Amino acid sequence: MSNPEPRAAGEASVGAATGSPAPRTAPAPAGPPVTATPTRLAAGLAFSLGSYVLWGFLPVYFLVLAPTGAFEIVAYRILFSLAFCAILLTVTRGWGRLIAIARQPRILLTLAVAGVFIYVNWQVFVLAVTSNRVVEGALGYFINPLFTVLLGVVLLRERLRPAQWVAVGISAVAIVIIAVGYGSFPWIALALTLSFGLYGFIKKRVGGRVDALSGLALETAWLTPVAVVQLIVVATSSGLTLAGHGPVHIVLVVLVGAATGIPLLLFAAAASRLPLIAIGLTQYLTPVLQFLLGVLILGEAMSTTRWIGFVLVWVALIVLTVDLVRAARSQRRAFRSAA
């Protein structure tokens, strides 16, 4: 997934810098209530749904790029995402903002580390799609909000509410059950969860000092040498597929940069218009769509054991979401009382 700007450890977040996209503070689920007009809220909801729907159907885009393999796709994704960012920075006159960020070594190095995690996330996700394991990839993004909560405990010493502990415990049981159902360790799901969760945590270090477009541009700039090496390796082994399958294929490969950047920009627009709780509740649309795509369209097998594991994950997410909503309401009441 190219993924949204990650959210804090107590906050909900799904997927890219992609568009992929959210990196963490205390588990307070929301700040003071957001005052907005119905038109602004409607626009925010449309932007949010647009970003999550695009991320949800991103596997279809990667499958259409066949016979281009996962390593070649990710290399092109890095290079053409950087090109897409460069075009948008020129159009929006954002180069000054990016240069100002690049002159801050600490932020620049933080984005380099974030780039490493998003690279792992992109590579594992595309490998999952091209190896017919979309459902396992969806599992990774279902688990991500739960891992984010746990990350807050381990790295930020946050205290979880009882319901949050229950949700984490249920998800741990689910992972064990799913592993039994697979007959092997669900490494794709956990790699996606870990990489995106840590990506979110790292991005939280720079907070609001880096906008979505500049962040994606600098992260892909750091990853450009990796992309070049990957293309060289592919060219000297199986051979590159960019020019051998007609002009439509070339255009689709080039547009992978836009497919990465557009959902991210839609998410950024949504985040500026919607309360955090609304963003958190709509984030599950992406893995739901990917799950349905894998089961109903691609025909991936779902044994009884795997169904049980997924249902437990969904129960854990319901517990976490209900707790988030209740905490947000309590916080709003406290805010109004204080005012």
C-alpha atoms as a PDB file:
ATOM      1  CA  MET A   1       0.000   0.000   0.000  1.00  0.00           C
ATOM      2  CA  SER A   2       1.233   3.356  -0.524  1.00  0.00           C
ATOM      3  CA  ASN A   3       0.201   4.759   2.374  1.00  0.00           C
ATOM      4  CA  PRO A   4      -1.331   7.618   4.248  1.00  0.00           C
ATOM      5  CA  GLU A   5       0.605   9.817   6.532  1.00  0.00           C
ATOM      6  CA  PRO A   6       0.762   7.488   9.479  1.00  0.00           C
ATOM      7  CA  ARG A   7      -1.085   8.303  12.678  1.00  0.00           C
ATOM      8  CA  ALA A   8       0.031   8.257  16.269  1.00  0.00           C
ATOM      9  CA  ALA A   9       0.222   5.083  18.344  1.00  0.00           C
ATOM     10  CA  GLY A  10      -3.136   5.555  19.898  1.00  0.00           C
ATOM     11  CA  GLU A  11      -4.529   6.754  16.610  1.00  0.00           C
ATOM     12  CA  ALA A  12      -5.899   4.713  13.790  1.00  0.00           C
ATOM     13  CA  SER A  13      -4.046   4.513  10.513  1.00  0.00           C
ATOM     14  CA  VAL A  14      -4.030   2.432   7.430  1.00  0.00           C
ATOM     15  CA  GLY A  15      -2.079   3.072   4.163  1.00  0.00           C
ATOM     16  CA  ALA A  16       1.434   5.109   1.495  1.00  0.00           C
ATOM     17  CA  ALA A  17       3.281   6.924   1.482  1.00  0.00           C
ATOM     18  CA  THR A  18       1.764   5.749  -1.463  1.00  0.00           C
ATOM     19  CA  GLY A  19      -0.077   6.410  -1.525  1.00  0.00           C
ATOM     20  CA  SER A  20       0.503   4.465  -0.137  1.00  0.00           C
ATOM     21  CA  PRO A  21       0.552   6.027   1.932  1.00  0.00           C
ATOM     22  CA  ALA A  22       0.604   7.307   9.396  1.00  0.00           C
ATOM     23  CA  PRO A  23       3.180   7.497  11.973  1.00  0.00           C
ATOM     24  CA  ARG A  24       2.779   8.305  17.653  1.00  0.00           C
ATOM     25  CA  THR A  25       1.630  10.212  20.924  1.00  0.00           C
ATOM     26  CA  ALA A  26      -0.411   9.090  23.858  1.00  0.00           C
ATOM     27  CA  PRO A  27      -3.441   7.022  23.118  1.00  0.00           C
ATOM     28  CA  ALA A  28      -5.800   9.932  23.195  1.00  0.00           C
ATOM     29  CA  PRO A  29      -7.920   9.180  20.157  1.00  0.00           C
ATOM     30  CA  ALA A  30      -8.823  12.706  19.230  1.00  0.00           C
ATOM     31  CA  GLY A  31      -8.241  16.338  20.058  1.00  0.00           C
ATOM     32  CA  PRO A  32     -10.803  19.044  20.474  1.00  0.00           C
ATOM     33  CA  PRO A  33     -13.793  18.666  18.216  1.00  0.00           C
ATOM     34  CA  VAL A  34     -13.244  19.856  14.687  1.00  0.00           C
ATOM     35  CA  THR A  35     -15.581  22.666  13.716  1.00  0.00           C
ATOM     36  CA  ALA A  36     -16.429  22.472  10.024  1.00  0.00           C
ATOM     37  CA  THR A  37     -19.246  23.220   7.662  1.00  0.00           C
ATOM     38  CA  PRO A  38     -21.292  20.345   6.207  1.00  0.00           C
ATOM     39  CA  THR A  39     -19.766  21.099   2.798  1.00  0.00           C
ATOM     40  CA  ARG A  40     -16.225  20.847   4.178  1.00  0.00           C
ATOM     41  CA  LEU A  41     -17.022  17.601   5.998  1.00  0.00           C
ATOM     42  CA  ALA A  42     -18.647  16.132   2.877  1.00  0.00           C
ATOM     43  CA  ALA A  43     -15.587  17.043   0.816  1.00  0.00           C
ATOM     44  CA  GLY A  44     -13.325  15.509   3.460  1.00  0.00           C
ATOM     45  CA  LEU A  45     -15.330  12.300   3.467  1.00  0.00           C
ATOM     46  CA  ALA A  46     -15.199  12.137  -0.331  1.00  0.00           C
ATOM     47  CA  PHE A  47     -11.418  12.631  -0.297  1.00  0.00           C
ATOM     48  CA  SER A  48     -11.020   9.994   2.431  1.00  0.00           C
ATOM     49  CA  LEU A  49     -13.173   7.413   0.656  1.00  0.00           C
ATOM     50  CA  GLY A  50     -11.412   8.179  -2.620  1.00  0.00           C
ATOM     51  CA  SER A  51      -7.972   7.540  -1.142  1.00  0.00           C
ATOM     52  CA  TYR A  52      -8.974   4.302   0.589  1.00  0.00           C
ATOM     53  CA  VAL A  53     -10.830   2.969  -2.460  1.00  0.00           C
ATOM     54  CA  LEU A  54      -7.804   3.633  -4.679  1.00  0.00           C
ATOM     55  CA  TRP A  55      -5.531   1.882  -2.179  1.00  0.00           C
ATOM     56  CA  GLY A  56      -8.023  -0.961  -1.967  1.00  0.00           C
ATOM     57  CA  PHE A  57      -7.880  -1.606  -5.701  1.00  0.00           C
ATOM     58  CA  LEU A  58      -4.148  -1.020  -6.053  1.00  0.00           C
ATOM     59  CA  PRO A  59      -3.501  -4.802  -6.314  1.00  0.00           C
ATOM     60  CA  VAL A  60      -5.510  -4.815  -9.562  1.00  0.00           C
ATOM     61  CA  TYR A  61      -3.162  -2.199 -10.998  1.00  0.00           C
ATOM     62  CA  PHE A  62      -0.101  -4.273 -10.153  1.00  0.00           C
ATOM     63  CA  LEU A  63      -1.666  -7.388 -11.675  1.00  0.00           C
ATOM     64  CA  VAL A  64      -2.389  -5.498 -14.911  1.00  0.00           C
ATOM     65  CA  LEU A  65       1.349  -4.760 -15.166  1.00  0.00           C
ATOM     66  CA  ALA A  66       2.101  -8.458 -15.819  1.00  0.00           C
ATOM     67  CA  PRO A  67       4.494  -9.833 -16.927  1.00  0.00           C
ATOM     68  CA  THR A  68       6.486  -7.183 -15.071  1.00  0.00           C
ATOM     69  CA  GLY A  69       7.696  -8.771 -11.819  1.00  0.00           C
ATOM     70  CA  ALA A  70       7.600  -7.451  -8.270  1.00  0.00           C
ATOM     71  CA  PHE A  71      11.178  -6.143  -8.089  1.00  0.00           C
ATOM     72  CA  GLU A  72      10.876  -4.346 -11.413  1.00  0.00           C
ATOM     73  CA  ILE A  73       7.482  -2.859 -10.437  1.00  0.00           C
ATOM     74  CA  VAL A  74       8.808  -1.488  -7.159  1.00  0.00           C
ATOM     75  CA  ALA A  75      11.838   0.020  -8.888  1.00  0.00           C
ATOM     76  CA  TYR A  76       9.581   1.813 -11.365  1.00  0.00           C
ATOM     77  CA  ARG A  77       7.249   2.813  -8.551  1.00  0.00           C
ATOM     78  CA  ILE A  78      10.114   4.590  -6.793  1.00  0.00           C
ATOM     79  CA  LEU A  79      11.435   6.343  -9.903  1.00  0.00           C
ATOM     80  CA  PHE A  80       8.093   7.402 -11.379  1.00  0.00           C
ATOM     81  CA  SER A  81       6.751   8.457  -7.955  1.00  0.00           C
ATOM     82  CA  LEU A  82       9.753  10.779  -7.684  1.00  0.00           C
ATOM     83  CA  ALA A  83       9.040  12.104 -11.188  1.00  0.00           C
ATOM     84  CA  PHE A  84       5.363  12.599 -10.312  1.00  0.00           C
ATOM     85  CA  CYS A  85       6.342  14.503  -7.165  1.00  0.00           C
ATOM     86  CA  ALA A  86       8.752  16.669  -9.149  1.00  0.00           C
ATOM     87  CA  ILE A  87       5.955  17.616 -11.576  1.00  0.00           C
ATOM     88  CA  LEU A  88       3.549  18.463  -8.752  1.00  0.00           C
ATOM     89  CA  LEU A  89       6.198  20.433  -6.864  1.00  0.00           C
ATOM     90  CA  THR A  90       6.782  22.471 -10.011  1.00  0.00           C
ATOM     91  CA  VAL A  91       3.080  23.048 -10.632  1.00  0.00           C
ATOM     92  CA  THR A  92       2.362  23.966  -6.988  1.00  0.00           C
ATOM     93  CA  ARG A  93       5.609  25.912  -6.573  1.00  0.00           C
ATOM     94  CA  GLY A  94       6.581  23.683  -3.700  1.00  0.00           C
ATOM     95  CA  TRP A  95      10.321  23.406  -4.354  1.00  0.00           C
ATOM     96  CA  GLY A  96      11.122  26.097  -1.799  1.00  0.00           C
ATOM     97  CA  ARG A  97       9.312  24.151   0.897  1.00  0.00           C
ATOM     98  CA  LEU A  98      11.117  20.926  -0.049  1.00  0.00           C
ATOM     99  CA  ILE A  99      14.537  22.632  -0.106  1.00  0.00           C
ATOM    100  CA  ALA A 100      13.873  24.111   3.339  1.00  0.00           C
ATOM    101  CA  ILE A 101      13.146  20.615   4.642  1.00  0.00           C
ATOM    102  CA  ALA A 102      16.219  19.159   2.936  1.00  0.00           C
ATOM    103  CA  ARG A 103      18.425  21.709   4.713  1.00  0.00           C
ATOM    104  CA  GLN A 104      17.519  20.177   8.068  1.00  0.00           C
ATOM    105  CA  PRO A 105      19.822  17.118   8.432  1.00  0.00           C
ATOM    106  CA  ARG A 106      17.858  15.535  11.250  1.00  0.00           C
ATOM    107  CA  ILE A 107      14.589  15.588   9.311  1.00  0.00           C
ATOM    108  CA  LEU A 108      16.345  14.482   6.133  1.00  0.00           C
ATOM    109  CA  LEU A 109      17.865  11.446   7.889  1.00  0.00           C
ATOM    110  CA  THR A 110      14.535  10.658   9.538  1.00  0.00           C
ATOM    111  CA  LEU A 111      12.930  10.552   6.093  1.00  0.00           C
ATOM    112  CA  ALA A 112      15.733   8.260   4.919  1.00  0.00           C
ATOM    113  CA  VAL A 113      14.850   5.791   7.674  1.00  0.00           C
ATOM    114  CA  ALA A 114      11.166   6.157   6.811  1.00  0.00           C
ATOM    115  CA  GLY A 115      12.116   5.409   3.214  1.00  0.00           C
ATOM    116  CA  VAL A 116      13.662   2.106   4.263  1.00  0.00           C
ATOM    117  CA  PHE A 117      10.446   0.984   5.952  1.00  0.00           C
ATOM    118  CA  ILE A 118       8.185   2.099   3.114  1.00  0.00           C
ATOM    119  CA  TYR A 119      10.477   0.306   0.658  1.00  0.00           C
ATOM    120  CA  VAL A 120      10.062  -2.931   2.613  1.00  0.00           C
ATOM    121  CA  ASN A 121       6.315  -2.322   2.724  1.00  0.00           C
ATOM    122  CA  TRP A 122       6.045  -1.703  -1.020  1.00  0.00           C
ATOM    123  CA  GLN A 123       8.235  -4.649  -1.930  1.00  0.00           C
ATOM    124  CA  VAL A 124       6.452  -7.147   0.301  1.00  0.00           C
ATOM    125  CA  PHE A 125       3.015  -5.911  -0.800  1.00  0.00           C
ATOM    126  CA  VAL A 126       3.788  -6.222  -4.511  1.00  0.00           C
ATOM    127  CA  LEU A 127       5.318  -9.659  -3.910  1.00  0.00           C
ATOM    128  CA  ALA A 128       2.085 -10.649  -2.138  1.00  0.00           C
ATOM    129  CA  VAL A 129      -0.023  -9.442  -5.067  1.00  0.00           C
ATOM    130  CA  THR A 130       2.080 -11.080  -7.783  1.00  0.00           C
ATOM    131  CA  SER A 131       2.254 -14.378  -5.864  1.00  0.00           C
ATOM    132  CA  ASN A 132      -1.551 -14.604  -5.358  1.00  0.00           C
ATOM    133  CA  ARG A 133      -1.459 -13.768  -1.645  1.00  0.00           C
ATOM    134  CA  VAL A 134      -3.610 -10.635  -1.645  1.00  0.00           C
ATOM    135  CA  VAL A 135      -5.683 -11.917   1.290  1.00  0.00           C
ATOM    136  CA  GLU A 136      -2.590 -12.293   3.457  1.00  0.00           C
ATOM    137  CA  GLY A 137      -1.589  -8.773   2.464  1.00  0.00           C
ATOM    138  CA  ALA A 138      -5.023  -7.521   3.523  1.00  0.00           C
ATOM    139  CA  LEU A 139      -4.544  -9.274   6.857  1.00  0.00           C
ATOM    140  CA  GLY A 140      -1.413  -7.191   7.418  1.00  0.00           C
ATOM    141  CA  TYR A 141      -3.381  -3.965   7.078  1.00  0.00           C
ATOM    142  CA  PHE A 142      -6.225  -5.266   9.254  1.00  0.00           C
ATOM    143  CA  ILE A 143      -3.679  -5.950  12.003  1.00  0.00           C
ATOM    144  CA  ASN A 144      -1.839  -2.644  11.590  1.00  0.00           C
ATOM    145  CA  PRO A 145      -4.041  -0.506  13.915  1.00  0.00           C
ATOM    146  CA  LEU A 146      -3.632  -3.136  16.635  1.00  0.00           C
ATOM    147  CA  PHE A 147       0.133  -3.222  16.147  1.00  0.00           C
ATOM    148  CA  THR A 148       0.186   0.565  16.276  1.00  0.00           C
ATOM    149  CA  VAL A 149      -1.430   0.456  19.708  1.00  0.00           C
ATOM    150  CA  LEU A 150       1.116  -2.115  20.895  1.00  0.00           C
ATOM    151  CA  LEU A 151       3.934  -0.020  19.456  1.00  0.00           C
ATOM    152  CA  GLY A 152       2.849   2.839  21.673  1.00  0.00           C
ATOM    153  CA  VAL A 153       3.242   0.608  24.724  1.00  0.00           C
ATOM    154  CA  VAL A 154       6.665  -0.751  23.775  1.00  0.00           C
ATOM    155  CA  LEU A 155       8.341   2.383  22.392  1.00  0.00           C
ATOM    156  CA  LEU A 156       6.442   5.251  23.995  1.00  0.00           C
ATOM    157  CA  ARG A 157       5.548   3.635  27.324  1.00  0.00           C
ATOM    158  CA  GLU A 158       1.883   4.453  26.779  1.00  0.00           C
ATOM    159  CA  ARG A 159      -0.785   2.977  29.033  1.00  0.00           C
ATOM    160  CA  LEU A 160      -3.557   1.112  27.297  1.00  0.00           C
ATOM    161  CA  ARG A 161      -7.160   1.020  28.371  1.00  0.00           C
ATOM    162  CA  PRO A 162      -8.528  -2.470  29.230  1.00  0.00           C
ATOM    163  CA  ALA A 163     -10.435  -2.708  25.941  1.00  0.00           C
ATOM    164  CA  GLN A 164      -7.248  -2.007  24.004  1.00  0.00           C
ATOM    165  CA  TRP A 165      -5.465  -4.850  25.809  1.00  0.00           C
ATOM    166  CA  VAL A 166      -8.388  -7.144  24.990  1.00  0.00           C
ATOM    167  CA  ALA A 167      -8.151  -6.190  21.299  1.00  0.00           C
ATOM    168  CA  VAL A 168      -4.390  -6.829  21.210  1.00  0.00           C
ATOM    169  CA  GLY A 169      -4.849 -10.197  22.965  1.00  0.00           C
ATOM    170  CA  ILE A 170      -7.564 -11.311  20.539  1.00  0.00           C
ATOM    171  CA  SER A 171      -5.409 -10.349  17.555  1.00  0.00           C
ATOM    172  CA  ALA A 172      -2.462 -12.343  18.947  1.00  0.00           C
ATOM    173  CA  VAL A 173      -4.678 -15.438  19.206  1.00  0.00           C
ATOM    174  CA  ALA A 174      -5.925 -14.779  15.668  1.00  0.00           C
ATOM    175  CA  ILE A 175      -2.391 -14.674  14.272  1.00  0.00           C
ATOM    176  CA  VAL A 176      -1.602 -18.057  15.831  1.00  0.00           C
ATOM    177  CA  ILE A 177      -4.798 -19.559  14.404  1.00  0.00           C
ATOM    178  CA  ILE A 178      -4.115 -18.126  10.950  1.00  0.00           C
ATOM    179  CA  ALA A 179      -0.557 -19.451  11.039  1.00  0.00           C
ATOM    180  CA  VAL A 180      -1.967 -22.916  11.725  1.00  0.00           C
ATOM    181  CA  GLY A 181      -4.447 -22.447   8.891  1.00  0.00           C
ATOM    182  CA  TYR A 182      -1.716 -21.453   6.457  1.00  0.00           C
ATOM    183  CA  GLY A 183       0.504 -24.268   7.585  1.00  0.00           C
ATOM    184  CA  SER A 184       3.307 -21.720   7.707  1.00  0.00           C
ATOM    185  CA  PHE A 185       4.219 -18.445   9.368  1.00  0.00           C
ATOM    186  CA  PRO A 186       2.170 -15.557   7.848  1.00  0.00           C
ATOM    187  CA  TRP A 187       5.324 -13.550   7.128  1.00  0.00           C
ATOM    188  CA  ILE A 188       3.736 -11.347   4.463  1.00  0.00           C
ATOM    189  CA  ALA A 189       1.011 -10.103   6.803  1.00  0.00           C
ATOM    190  CA  LEU A 190       3.399  -9.467   9.677  1.00  0.00           C
ATOM    191  CA  ALA A 191       6.061  -7.871   7.454  1.00  0.00           C
ATOM    192  CA  LEU A 192       3.464  -5.437   6.125  1.00  0.00           C
ATOM    193  CA  THR A 193       2.212  -4.719   9.639  1.00  0.00           C
ATOM    194  CA  LEU A 194       5.693  -4.165  11.067  1.00  0.00           C
ATOM    195  CA  SER A 195       7.015  -2.105   8.147  1.00  0.00           C
ATOM    196  CA  PHE A 196       4.013   0.200   7.922  1.00  0.00           C
ATOM    197  CA  GLY A 197       3.667   0.522  11.694  1.00  0.00           C
ATOM    198  CA  LEU A 198       7.338   1.466  12.068  1.00  0.00           C
ATOM    199  CA  TYR A 199       7.098   3.750   9.058  1.00  0.00           C
ATOM    200  CA  GLY A 200       4.288   5.536  10.841  1.00  0.00           C
ATOM    201  CA  PHE A 201       6.270   5.768  14.057  1.00  0.00           C
ATOM    202  CA  ILE A 202       9.289   7.256  12.254  1.00  0.00           C
ATOM    203  CA  LYS A 203       7.156   9.761  10.348  1.00  0.00           C
ATOM    204  CA  LYS A 204       5.643  10.899  13.634  1.00  0.00           C
ATOM    205  CA  ARG A 205       9.115  12.140  14.580  1.00  0.00           C
ATOM    206  CA  VAL A 206       8.849  14.880  11.964  1.00  0.00           C
ATOM    207  CA  GLY A 207       5.188  15.568  12.697  1.00  0.00           C
ATOM    208  CA  GLY A 208       3.655  18.493  10.822  1.00  0.00           C
ATOM    209  CA  ARG A 209       7.007  19.832   9.648  1.00  0.00           C
ATOM    210  CA  VAL A 210       6.897  17.750   6.468  1.00  0.00           C
ATOM    211  CA  ASP A 211       3.919  17.838   4.112  1.00  0.00           C
ATOM    212  CA  ALA A 212       2.792  14.699   2.269  1.00  0.00           C
ATOM    213  CA  LEU A 213       4.188  15.682  -1.143  1.00  0.00           C
ATOM    214  CA  SER A 214       7.618  16.754   0.115  1.00  0.00           C
ATOM    215  CA  GLY A 215       7.836  13.660   2.307  1.00  0.00           C
ATOM    216  CA  LEU A 216       7.117  11.285  -0.572  1.00  0.00           C
ATOM    217  CA  ALA A 217       9.552  13.167  -2.819  1.00  0.00           C
ATOM    218  CA  LEU A 218      12.432  12.959  -0.338  1.00  0.00           C
ATOM    219  CA  GLU A 219      11.747   9.333   0.595  1.00  0.00           C
ATOM    220  CA  THR A 220      11.735   8.236  -3.051  1.00  0.00           C
ATOM    221  CA  ALA A 221      14.840  10.352  -3.702  1.00  0.00           C
ATOM    222  CA  TRP A 222      16.648   8.399  -0.979  1.00  0.00           C
ATOM    223  CA  LEU A 223      15.420   5.134  -2.535  1.00  0.00           C
ATOM    224  CA  THR A 224      16.427   6.002  -6.105  1.00  0.00           C
ATOM    225  CA  PRO A 225      19.848   4.239  -5.896  1.00  0.00           C
ATOM    226  CA  VAL A 226      18.058   1.097  -4.676  1.00  0.00           C
ATOM    227  CA  ALA A 227      15.656   1.297  -7.614  1.00  0.00           C
ATOM    228  CA  VAL A 228      18.515   1.663 -10.090  1.00  0.00           C
ATOM    229  CA  VAL A 229      20.328  -1.347  -8.625  1.00  0.00           C
ATOM    230  CA  GLN A 230      17.145  -3.424  -8.792  1.00  0.00           C
ATOM    231  CA  LEU A 231      16.637  -2.559 -12.449  1.00  0.00           C
ATOM    232  CA  ILE A 232      20.239  -3.472 -13.240  1.00  0.00           C
ATOM    233  CA  VAL A 233      19.850  -6.823 -11.471  1.00  0.00           C
ATOM    234  CA  VAL A 234      16.582  -7.569 -13.280  1.00  0.00           C
ATOM    235  CA  ALA A 235      18.066  -6.478 -16.626  1.00  0.00           C
ATOM    236  CA  THR A 236      21.046  -8.806 -16.238  1.00  0.00           C
ATOM    237  CA  SER A 237      18.975 -11.768 -15.055  1.00  0.00           C
ATOM    238  CA  SER A 238      15.462 -12.166 -16.442  1.00  0.00           C
ATOM    239  CA  GLY A 239      15.471  -8.973 -18.506  1.00  0.00           C
ATOM    240  CA  LEU A 240      13.393  -5.786 -18.265  1.00  0.00           C
ATOM    241  CA  THR A 241       9.814  -5.866 -19.521  1.00  0.00           C
ATOM    242  CA  LEU A 242       9.118  -2.138 -19.909  1.00  0.00           C
ATOM    243  CA  ALA A 243       9.606  -1.869 -23.661  1.00  0.00           C
ATOM    244  CA  GLY A 244       8.644  -5.328 -24.815  1.00  0.00           C
ATOM    245  CA  HIS A 245       4.853  -5.368 -24.427  1.00  0.00           C
ATOM    246  CA  GLY A 246       3.455  -2.444 -26.371  1.00  0.00           C
ATOM    247  CA  PRO A 247       2.787   1.256 -25.710  1.00  0.00           C
ATOM    248  CA  VAL A 248      -0.176   0.640 -23.359  1.00  0.00           C
ATOM    249  CA  HIS A 249       2.066  -1.359 -21.031  1.00  0.00           C
ATOM    250  CA  ILE A 250       4.669   1.425 -21.048  1.00  0.00           C
ATOM    251  CA  VAL A 251       2.025   4.037 -20.172  1.00  0.00           C
ATOM    252  CA  LEU A 252       0.653   1.894 -17.329  1.00  0.00           C
ATOM    253  CA  VAL A 253       4.135   1.399 -15.894  1.00  0.00           C
ATOM    254  CA  VAL A 254       4.894   5.121 -16.071  1.00  0.00           C
ATOM    255  CA  LEU A 255       1.574   5.958 -14.397  1.00  0.00           C
ATOM    256  CA  VAL A 256       2.467   3.831 -11.360  1.00  0.00           C
ATOM    257  CA  GLY A 257       3.950   7.044  -9.947  1.00  0.00           C
ATOM    258  CA  ALA A 258       0.593   8.800 -10.175  1.00  0.00           C
ATOM    259  CA  ALA A 259      -1.132   5.707  -8.763  1.00  0.00           C
ATOM    260  CA  THR A 260       1.145   6.086  -5.759  1.00  0.00           C
ATOM    261  CA  GLY A 261       0.886   9.839  -5.289  1.00  0.00           C
ATOM    262  CA  ILE A 262      -2.783  10.603  -5.966  1.00  0.00           C
ATOM    263  CA  PRO A 263      -4.248   8.543  -3.072  1.00  0.00           C
ATOM    264  CA  LEU A 264      -1.704  10.087  -0.711  1.00  0.00           C
ATOM    265  CA  LEU A 265      -2.699  13.609  -1.718  1.00  0.00           C
ATOM    266  CA  LEU A 266      -6.403  12.744  -1.393  1.00  0.00           C
ATOM    267  CA  PHE A 267      -5.723  11.411   2.096  1.00  0.00           C
ATOM    268  CA  ALA A 268      -3.854  14.583   3.038  1.00  0.00           C
ATOM    269  CA  ALA A 269      -6.816  16.658   1.823  1.00  0.00           C
ATOM    270  CA  ALA A 270      -9.193  14.478   3.861  1.00  0.00           C
ATOM    271  CA  ALA A 271      -7.073  14.708   7.003  1.00  0.00           C
ATOM    272  CA  SER A 272      -7.251  18.513   6.903  1.00  0.00           C
ATOM    273  CA  ARG A 273     -11.057  18.467   6.726  1.00  0.00           C
ATOM    274  CA  LEU A 274     -12.216  15.536   8.871  1.00  0.00           C
ATOM    275  CA  PRO A 275     -12.006  14.797  12.603  1.00  0.00           C
ATOM    276  CA  LEU A 276      -9.495  12.073  13.459  1.00  0.00           C
ATOM    277  CA  ILE A 277     -12.287   9.702  14.501  1.00  0.00           C
ATOM    278  CA  ALA A 278     -13.768   9.832  10.977  1.00  0.00           C
ATOM    279  CA  ILE A 279     -10.404   9.063   9.407  1.00  0.00           C
ATOM    280  CA  GLY A 280      -9.974   6.166  11.814  1.00  0.00           C
ATOM    281  CA  LEU A 281     -13.353   4.656  11.010  1.00  0.00           C
ATOM    282  CA  THR A 282     -12.948   4.841   7.222  1.00  0.00           C
ATOM    283  CA  GLN A 283      -9.454   3.365   7.172  1.00  0.00           C
ATOM    284  CA  TYR A 284     -10.746  -0.220   7.232  1.00  0.00           C
ATOM    285  CA  LEU A 285     -12.187   0.199   3.738  1.00  0.00           C
ATOM    286  CA  THR A 286      -8.793  -0.542   2.132  1.00  0.00           C
ATOM    287  CA  PRO A 287      -8.146  -3.991   3.651  1.00  0.00           C
ATOM    288  CA  VAL A 288     -11.843  -4.895   3.274  1.00  0.00           C
ATOM    289  CA  LEU A 289     -11.655  -4.196  -0.461  1.00  0.00           C
ATOM    290  CA  GLN A 290      -8.365  -6.087  -0.767  1.00  0.00           C
ATOM    291  CA  PHE A 291      -9.804  -9.032   1.152  1.00  0.00           C
ATOM    292  CA  LEU A 292     -12.904  -9.155  -1.074  1.00  0.00           C
ATOM    293  CA  LEU A 293     -10.726  -8.826  -4.160  1.00  0.00           C
ATOM    294  CA  GLY A 294      -8.574 -11.765  -3.080  1.00  0.00           C
ATOM    295  CA  VAL A 295     -11.474 -14.046  -2.122  1.00  0.00           C
ATOM    296  CA  LEU A 296     -14.197 -13.160  -4.624  1.00  0.00           C
ATOM    297  CA  ILE A 297     -12.277 -12.047  -7.722  1.00  0.00           C
ATOM    298  CA  LEU A 298      -8.911 -13.784  -7.522  1.00  0.00           C
ATOM    299  CA  GLY A 299     -10.315 -16.927  -5.908  1.00  0.00           C
ATOM    300  CA  GLU A 300      -7.753 -17.292  -3.129  1.00  0.00           C
ATOM    301  CA  ALA A 301      -8.533 -20.213  -0.823  1.00  0.00           C
ATOM    302  CA  MET A 302     -10.053 -19.571   2.612  1.00  0.00           C
ATOM    303  CA  SER A 303     -10.068 -22.611   4.875  1.00  0.00           C
ATOM    304  CA  THR A 304     -12.264 -22.788   7.970  1.00  0.00           C
ATOM    305  CA  THR A 305      -9.242 -22.110  10.176  1.00  0.00           C
ATOM    306  CA  ARG A 306      -8.347 -19.002   8.202  1.00  0.00           C
ATOM    307  CA  TRP A 307     -11.938 -17.749   8.412  1.00  0.00           C
ATOM    308  CA  ILE A 308     -11.860 -18.191  12.192  1.00  0.00           C
ATOM    309  CA  GLY A 309      -8.598 -16.238  12.382  1.00  0.00           C
ATOM    310  CA  PHE A 310      -9.918 -13.388  10.224  1.00  0.00           C
ATOM    311  CA  VAL A 311     -13.167 -13.207  12.216  1.00  0.00           C
ATOM    312  CA  LEU A 312     -11.139 -12.881  15.412  1.00  0.00           C
ATOM    313  CA  VAL A 313      -9.126 -10.045  13.862  1.00  0.00           C
ATOM    314  CA  TRP A 314     -12.376  -8.295  12.919  1.00  0.00           C
ATOM    315  CA  VAL A 315     -13.699  -8.776  16.463  1.00  0.00           C
ATOM    316  CA  ALA A 316     -10.504  -7.225  17.814  1.00  0.00           C
ATOM    317  CA  LEU A 317     -10.925  -4.261  15.454  1.00  0.00           C
ATOM    318  CA  ILE A 318     -14.548  -3.807  16.563  1.00  0.00           C
ATOM    319  CA  VAL A 319     -13.432  -3.762  20.208  1.00  0.00           C
ATOM    320  CA  LEU A 320     -10.690  -1.249  19.376  1.00  0.00           C
ATOM    321  CA  THR A 321     -13.033   0.954  17.331  1.00  0.00           C
ATOM    322  CA  VAL A 322     -15.793   1.002  19.960  1.00  0.00           C
ATOM    323  CA  ASP A 323     -13.212   1.935  22.577  1.00  0.00           C
ATOM    324  CA  LEU A 324     -11.879   4.683  20.299  1.00  0.00           C
ATOM    325  CA  VAL A 325     -15.366   6.141  19.767  1.00  0.00           C
ATOM    326  CA  ARG A 326     -16.200   6.034  23.482  1.00  0.00           C
ATOM    327  CA  ALA A 327     -12.889   7.668  24.410  1.00  0.00           C
ATOM    328  CA  ALA A 328     -13.394  10.367  21.778  1.00  0.00           C
ATOM    329  CA  ARG A 329     -16.874  11.157  23.140  1.00  0.00           C
ATOM    330  CA  SER A 330     -15.541  11.339  26.698  1.00  0.00           C
ATOM    331  CA  GLN A 331     -12.768  13.655  25.583  1.00  0.00           C
ATOM    332  CA  ARG A 332     -15.212  15.949  23.764  1.00  0.00           C
ATOM    333  CA  ARG A 333     -17.426  16.123  26.865  1.00  0.00           C
ATOM    334  CA  ALA A 334     -14.392  16.955  29.015  1.00  0.00           C
ATOM    335  CA  PHE A 335     -13.335  19.624  26.519  1.00  0.00           C
ATOM    336  CA  ARG A 336     -16.783  21.223  26.522  1.00  0.00           C
ATOM    337  CA  SER A 337     -16.915  21.162  30.345  1.00  0.00           C
ATOM    338  CA  ALA A 338     -13.512  22.821  30.539  1.00  0.00           C
ATOM    339  CA  ALA A 339     -14.606  25.466  28.043  1.00  0.00           C
END
